[in-house]
């Protein structure tokens, strides 16, 4: 999450307000949930790829 450190609190507030204006208050929770699921699936895929590469190294040894 290095990106959030670079943005800072004022930038984050601007992003949230922009999303609120674009998507509206009714769709914002749905959008947040979708983004959260996407990040969790991405993280699982990355972690799974790391486990696969470790198991391949063990097989070679």
N, C-alpha and C. Protein backbone atom coordinates (compact mmCIF):
# COMPACT_ATOMS: atom_id res chain seq x y z
N UNK A 1 0.82 -1.20 0.00
CA UNK A 1 0.00 0.00 0.00
C UNK A 1 0.86 1.25 0.00
N UNK A 2 1.92 1.23 -0.74
CA UNK A 2 2.80 2.39 -0.85
C UNK A 2 2.07 3.57 -1.49
N UNK A 3 1.11 3.30 -2.34
CA UNK A 3 0.40 4.37 -3.05
C UNK A 3 -0.35 5.25 -2.06
N UNK A 4 -0.99 4.65 -1.07
CA UNK A 4 -1.75 5.44 -0.10
C UNK A 4 -0.85 6.35 0.72
N UNK A 5 0.37 5.93 0.96
CA UNK A 5 1.31 6.78 1.70
C UNK A 5 1.69 8.01 0.89
N UNK A 6 1.79 7.86 -0.42
CA UNK A 6 2.17 8.97 -1.29
C UNK A 6 1.02 9.95 -1.49
N UNK A 7 -0.21 9.47 -1.45
CA UNK A 7 -1.37 10.34 -1.69
C UNK A 7 -1.62 11.26 -0.51
N UNK A 8 -1.62 10.74 0.68
CA UNK A 8 -1.88 11.53 1.87
C UNK A 8 -3.37 11.70 2.11
N UNK A 9 -3.70 12.26 3.25
CA UNK A 9 -5.09 12.42 3.64
C UNK A 9 -5.86 13.39 2.74
N UNK A 10 -5.32 14.56 2.40
CA UNK A 10 -6.09 15.46 1.52
C UNK A 10 -6.39 14.84 0.15
N UNK A 11 -5.43 14.13 -0.40
CA UNK A 11 -5.64 13.47 -1.69
C UNK A 11 -6.69 12.39 -1.60
N UNK A 12 -6.67 11.66 -0.50
CA UNK A 12 -7.65 10.59 -0.30
C UNK A 12 -9.06 11.16 -0.16
N UNK A 13 -9.18 12.28 0.52
CA UNK A 13 -10.48 12.94 0.67
C UNK A 13 -11.00 13.40 -0.69
N UNK A 14 -10.12 13.95 -1.52
CA UNK A 14 -10.52 14.38 -2.86
C UNK A 14 -10.98 13.20 -3.70
N UNK A 15 -10.28 12.07 -3.60
CA UNK A 15 -10.67 10.88 -4.36
C UNK A 15 -12.04 10.37 -3.91
N UNK A 16 -12.28 10.32 -2.61
CA UNK A 16 -13.57 9.86 -2.09
C UNK A 16 -14.69 10.79 -2.52
N UNK A 17 -14.47 12.10 -2.43
CA UNK A 17 -15.49 13.05 -2.87
C UNK A 17 -15.75 12.95 -4.36
N UNK A 18 -14.71 12.75 -5.15
CA UNK A 18 -14.89 12.57 -6.59
C UNK A 18 -15.69 11.32 -6.90
N UNK A 19 -15.39 10.22 -6.21
CA UNK A 19 -16.14 8.98 -6.41
C UNK A 19 -17.60 9.17 -6.00
N UNK A 20 -17.82 9.92 -4.93
CA UNK A 20 -19.18 10.18 -4.48
C UNK A 20 -19.95 10.98 -5.53
N UNK A 21 -19.31 11.95 -6.13
CA UNK A 21 -19.97 12.75 -7.17
C UNK A 21 -20.23 11.94 -8.44
N UNK A 22 -19.28 11.09 -8.81
CA UNK A 22 -19.42 10.32 -10.05
C UNK A 22 -20.42 9.19 -9.90
N UNK A 23 -20.30 8.40 -8.84
CA UNK A 23 -21.12 7.20 -8.71
C UNK A 23 -22.36 7.39 -7.85
N UNK A 24 -22.39 8.40 -7.03
CA UNK A 24 -23.55 8.64 -6.19
C UNK A 24 -23.50 7.84 -4.90
N UNK A 25 -24.26 8.28 -3.91
CA UNK A 25 -24.20 7.62 -2.60
C UNK A 25 -24.79 6.21 -2.59
N UNK A 26 -25.69 5.90 -3.51
CA UNK A 26 -26.31 4.57 -3.52
C UNK A 26 -25.36 3.50 -4.06
N UNK A 27 -24.55 3.84 -5.05
CA UNK A 27 -23.67 2.85 -5.67
C UNK A 27 -22.30 2.78 -5.02
N UNK A 28 -21.95 3.74 -4.18
CA UNK A 28 -20.62 3.78 -3.58
C UNK A 28 -20.32 2.55 -2.70
N UNK A 29 -21.22 2.09 -1.83
CA UNK A 29 -20.92 0.87 -1.05
C UNK A 29 -20.75 -0.37 -1.94
N UNK A 30 -21.55 -0.47 -2.98
CA UNK A 30 -21.44 -1.59 -3.92
C UNK A 30 -20.09 -1.55 -4.63
N UNK A 31 -19.68 -0.37 -5.02
CA UNK A 31 -18.39 -0.21 -5.69
C UNK A 31 -17.24 -0.56 -4.75
N UNK A 32 -17.31 -0.12 -3.51
CA UNK A 32 -16.28 -0.44 -2.53
C UNK A 32 -16.18 -1.93 -2.28
N UNK A 33 -17.31 -2.60 -2.22
CA UNK A 33 -17.32 -4.04 -2.01
C UNK A 33 -16.69 -4.76 -3.20
N UNK A 34 -17.01 -4.32 -4.40
CA UNK A 34 -16.43 -4.93 -5.60
C UNK A 34 -14.92 -4.74 -5.65
N UNK A 35 -14.46 -3.55 -5.31
CA UNK A 35 -13.02 -3.29 -5.31
C UNK A 35 -12.33 -4.12 -4.24
N UNK A 36 -12.95 -4.26 -3.08
CA UNK A 36 -12.38 -5.08 -2.01
C UNK A 36 -12.25 -6.54 -2.42
N UNK A 37 -13.27 -7.08 -3.08
CA UNK A 37 -13.20 -8.46 -3.56
C UNK A 37 -12.10 -8.62 -4.60
N UNK A 38 -11.99 -7.63 -5.49
CA UNK A 38 -10.97 -7.68 -6.53
C UNK A 38 -9.57 -7.72 -5.91
N UNK A 39 -9.32 -6.86 -4.91
CA UNK A 39 -8.02 -6.83 -4.26
C UNK A 39 -7.73 -8.13 -3.52
N UNK A 40 -8.75 -8.71 -2.87
CA UNK A 40 -8.51 -9.95 -2.14
C UNK A 40 -8.23 -11.11 -3.10
N UNK A 41 -8.92 -11.17 -4.23
CA UNK A 41 -8.65 -12.21 -5.22
C UNK A 41 -7.27 -12.03 -5.83
N UNK A 42 -6.89 -10.79 -6.08
CA UNK A 42 -5.56 -10.51 -6.62
C UNK A 42 -4.48 -10.95 -5.63
N UNK A 43 -4.69 -10.66 -4.36
CA UNK A 43 -3.72 -11.03 -3.33
C UNK A 43 -3.62 -12.54 -3.21
N UNK A 44 -4.76 -13.24 -3.29
CA UNK A 44 -4.74 -14.71 -3.24
C UNK A 44 -3.97 -15.27 -4.43
N UNK A 45 -4.18 -14.68 -5.61
CA UNK A 45 -3.49 -15.16 -6.80
C UNK A 45 -1.99 -14.93 -6.69
N UNK A 46 -1.59 -13.79 -6.17
CA UNK A 46 -0.17 -13.50 -6.00
C UNK A 46 0.44 -14.44 -4.97
N UNK A 47 -0.24 -14.65 -3.85
CA UNK A 47 0.26 -15.55 -2.82
C UNK A 47 0.31 -16.98 -3.33
N UNK A 48 -0.67 -17.38 -4.11
CA UNK A 48 -0.69 -18.72 -4.69
C UNK A 48 0.44 -18.91 -5.67
N UNK A 49 0.76 -17.88 -6.44
CA UNK A 49 1.88 -17.95 -7.37
C UNK A 49 3.19 -18.09 -6.65
N UNK A 50 3.34 -17.43 -5.53
CA UNK A 50 4.57 -17.54 -4.74
C UNK A 50 4.69 -18.94 -4.16
N UNK A 51 3.59 -19.52 -3.73
CA UNK A 51 3.62 -20.89 -3.19
C UNK A 51 3.97 -21.89 -4.28
N UNK A 52 3.43 -21.67 -5.50
CA UNK A 52 3.72 -22.56 -6.61
C UNK A 52 5.20 -22.52 -6.96
N UNK A 53 5.78 -21.34 -6.99
CA UNK A 53 7.20 -21.23 -7.34
C UNK A 53 8.06 -21.86 -6.26
N UNK A 54 7.66 -21.75 -5.00
CA UNK A 54 8.41 -22.39 -3.91
C UNK A 54 8.34 -23.90 -4.01
N UNK A 55 7.17 -24.45 -4.36
CA UNK A 55 7.04 -25.90 -4.47
C UNK A 55 7.82 -26.43 -5.66
N UNK A 56 7.92 -25.65 -6.74
CA UNK A 56 8.71 -26.06 -7.90
C UNK A 56 10.19 -26.09 -7.54
N UNK A 57 10.65 -25.14 -6.74
CA UNK A 57 12.05 -25.12 -6.31
C UNK A 57 12.34 -26.34 -5.44
N UNK A 58 11.38 -26.72 -4.58
CA UNK A 58 11.57 -27.88 -3.72
C UNK A 58 11.66 -29.16 -4.54
N UNK A 59 10.87 -29.25 -5.61
CA UNK A 59 10.89 -30.43 -6.46
C UNK A 59 12.23 -30.57 -7.19
N UNK A 60 12.82 -29.44 -7.58
CA UNK A 60 14.09 -29.47 -8.31
C UNK A 60 15.23 -29.90 -7.40
N UNK A 61 15.14 -29.57 -6.12
CA UNK A 61 16.22 -29.91 -5.18
C UNK A 61 16.12 -31.33 -4.79
